[in-house]
Amino acid sequence: MEALRNLGVWGDHKRKELASILLHHDPPHLKRVYLGGFLLYALGMSVEQATDFIEKHCAWEDYRRETTLRNLRGIHKRGGKASS
């Protein structure tokens, strides 16, 4: 996916992994969290930038901007740490 390359995801394997989440019609919640965490922490995007990117490129049948914003804010608030 060229959009991921433009963000700086250079590895072909990583781009395919992230694209498979974005282009899946209903990826599992943990895959979505992984994608969000990657955008926020590996690429340094803000919550709003990550939300805009997902909104523009995802094929999720149940996509809702409000839900994505809330979930990304939760990931950001935890600072990338897994909950115990």
C-alpha atoms as a PDB file:
ATOM      1  CA  MET A   1       0.000   0.000   0.000  1.00  0.00           C
ATOM      2  CA  GLU A   2       1.606   3.223  -1.198  1.00  0.00           C
ATOM      3  CA  ALA A   3       0.023   5.297   1.573  1.00  0.00           C
ATOM      4  CA  LEU A   4       1.981   3.318   4.174  1.00  0.00           C
ATOM      5  CA  ARG A   5       5.223   3.755   2.228  1.00  0.00           C
ATOM      6  CA  ASN A   6       4.527   7.507   2.133  1.00  0.00           C
ATOM      7  CA  LEU A   7       4.259   7.466   5.936  1.00  0.00           C
ATOM      8  CA  GLY A   8       7.716   5.900   6.159  1.00  0.00           C
ATOM      9  CA  VAL A   9       6.863   2.210   6.541  1.00  0.00           C
ATOM     10  CA  TRP A  10       9.726   0.912   4.410  1.00  0.00           C
ATOM     11  CA  GLY A  11       9.612  -2.827   5.078  1.00  0.00           C
ATOM     12  CA  ASP A  12       7.494  -4.743   2.589  1.00  0.00           C
ATOM     13  CA  HIS A  13       6.470  -7.301   5.217  1.00  0.00           C
ATOM     14  CA  LYS A  14       5.333  -4.585   7.670  1.00  0.00           C
ATOM     15  CA  ARG A  15       3.411  -2.727   4.955  1.00  0.00           C
ATOM     16  CA  LYS A  16       1.603  -5.937   3.992  1.00  0.00           C
ATOM     17  CA  GLU A  17       0.816  -6.675   7.642  1.00  0.00           C
ATOM     18  CA  LEU A  18      -0.631  -3.203   8.245  1.00  0.00           C
ATOM     19  CA  ALA A  19      -2.459  -3.146   4.899  1.00  0.00           C
ATOM     20  CA  SER A  20      -4.096  -6.478   5.717  1.00  0.00           C
ATOM     21  CA  ILE A  21      -5.581  -4.877   8.844  1.00  0.00           C
ATOM     22  CA  LEU A  22      -6.705  -1.741   7.016  1.00  0.00           C
ATOM     23  CA  LEU A  23      -8.202  -3.619   4.074  1.00  0.00           C
ATOM     24  CA  HIS A  24      -9.927  -6.381   6.046  1.00  0.00           C
ATOM     25  CA  HIS A  25     -13.692  -5.872   6.218  1.00  0.00           C
ATOM     26  CA  ASP A  26     -13.831  -6.650   9.968  1.00  0.00           C
ATOM     27  CA  PRO A  27     -10.426  -7.056  11.630  1.00  0.00           C
ATOM     28  CA  PRO A  28     -10.344  -8.253  15.253  1.00  0.00           C
ATOM     29  CA  HIS A  29     -10.136  -5.590  17.930  1.00  0.00           C
ATOM     30  CA  LEU A  30      -6.549  -6.487  18.892  1.00  0.00           C
ATOM     31  CA  LYS A  31      -5.402  -6.057  15.276  1.00  0.00           C
ATOM     32  CA  ARG A  32      -6.992  -2.615  15.226  1.00  0.00           C
ATOM     33  CA  VAL A  33      -5.241  -1.749  18.500  1.00  0.00           C
ATOM     34  CA  TYR A  34      -1.934  -2.944  17.026  1.00  0.00           C
ATOM     35  CA  LEU A  35      -2.448  -0.739  13.961  1.00  0.00           C
ATOM     36  CA  GLY A  36      -3.320   2.249  16.142  1.00  0.00           C
ATOM     37  CA  GLY A  37      -0.320   1.728  18.383  1.00  0.00           C
ATOM     38  CA  PHE A  38       1.966   1.422  15.375  1.00  0.00           C
ATOM     39  CA  LEU A  39       0.675   4.645  13.857  1.00  0.00           C
ATOM     40  CA  LEU A  40       0.960   6.501  17.157  1.00  0.00           C
ATOM     41  CA  TYR A  41       4.284   5.200  18.458  1.00  0.00           C
ATOM     42  CA  ALA A  42       6.301   3.778  15.577  1.00  0.00           C
ATOM     43  CA  LEU A  43       5.375   6.588  13.194  1.00  0.00           C
ATOM     44  CA  GLY A  44       4.824   9.354  15.745  1.00  0.00           C
ATOM     45  CA  MET A  45       1.388  10.352  14.482  1.00  0.00           C
ATOM     46  CA  SER A  46      -1.038  12.295  16.637  1.00  0.00           C
ATOM     47  CA  VAL A  47      -4.390  10.772  17.561  1.00  0.00           C
ATOM     48  CA  GLU A  48      -6.083  12.974  14.973  1.00  0.00           C
ATOM     49  CA  GLN A  49      -3.566  12.127  12.232  1.00  0.00           C
ATOM     50  CA  ALA A  50      -3.916   8.400  12.909  1.00  0.00           C
ATOM     51  CA  THR A  51      -7.714   8.681  12.892  1.00  0.00           C
ATOM     52  CA  ASP A  52      -7.660  10.572   9.599  1.00  0.00           C
ATOM     53  CA  PHE A  53      -5.337   7.981   8.054  1.00  0.00           C
ATOM     54  CA  ILE A  54      -7.466   5.044   9.175  1.00  0.00           C
ATOM     55  CA  GLU A  55     -10.656   6.773   8.047  1.00  0.00           C
ATOM     56  CA  LYS A  56      -9.210   7.448   4.597  1.00  0.00           C
ATOM     57  CA  HIS A  57      -7.721   3.995   3.998  1.00  0.00           C
ATOM     58  CA  CYS A  58      -9.703   1.388   5.929  1.00  0.00           C
ATOM     59  CA  ALA A  59     -12.299  -0.952   4.477  1.00  0.00           C
ATOM     60  CA  TRP A  60     -13.892  -1.775   7.840  1.00  0.00           C
ATOM     61  CA  GLU A  61     -17.607  -2.333   7.478  1.00  0.00           C
ATOM     62  CA  ASP A  62     -18.234  -1.037  11.007  1.00  0.00           C
ATOM     63  CA  TYR A  63     -15.866   1.954  10.911  1.00  0.00           C
ATOM     64  CA  ARG A  64     -16.964   4.864  13.094  1.00  0.00           C
ATOM     65  CA  ARG A  65     -14.764   7.911  13.521  1.00  0.00           C
ATOM     66  CA  GLU A  66     -15.924   8.492  17.096  1.00  0.00           C
ATOM     67  CA  THR A  67     -15.033   4.929  18.121  1.00  0.00           C
ATOM     68  CA  THR A  68     -11.624   5.148  16.459  1.00  0.00           C
ATOM     69  CA  LEU A  69     -10.864   8.479  18.150  1.00  0.00           C
ATOM     70  CA  ARG A  70     -11.888   7.111  21.550  1.00  0.00           C
ATOM     71  CA  ASN A  71      -9.804   3.968  21.141  1.00  0.00           C
ATOM     72  CA  LEU A  72      -6.736   5.832  19.873  1.00  0.00           C
ATOM     73  CA  ARG A  73      -6.999   8.286  22.772  1.00  0.00           C
ATOM     74  CA  GLY A  74      -7.048   5.285  25.113  1.00  0.00           C
ATOM     75  CA  ILE A  75      -3.942   3.818  23.506  1.00  0.00           C
ATOM     76  CA  HIS A  76      -2.211   7.208  23.669  1.00  0.00           C
ATOM     77  CA  LYS A  77      -3.203   7.737  27.313  1.00  0.00           C
ATOM     78  CA  ARG A  78      -1.572   4.430  28.270  1.00  0.00           C
ATOM     79  CA  GLY A  79       1.625   5.570  26.584  1.00  0.00           C
ATOM     80  CA  GLY A  80       1.988   2.388  24.593  1.00  0.00           C
ATOM     81  CA  LYS A  81       2.012   0.191  27.680  1.00  0.00           C
ATOM     82  CA  ALA A  82      -0.152  -2.919  27.785  1.00  0.00           C
ATOM     83  CA  SER A  83      -2.742  -2.948  30.520  1.00  0.00           C
ATOM     84  CA  SER A  84      -2.121  -5.455  33.295  1.00  0.00           C
END
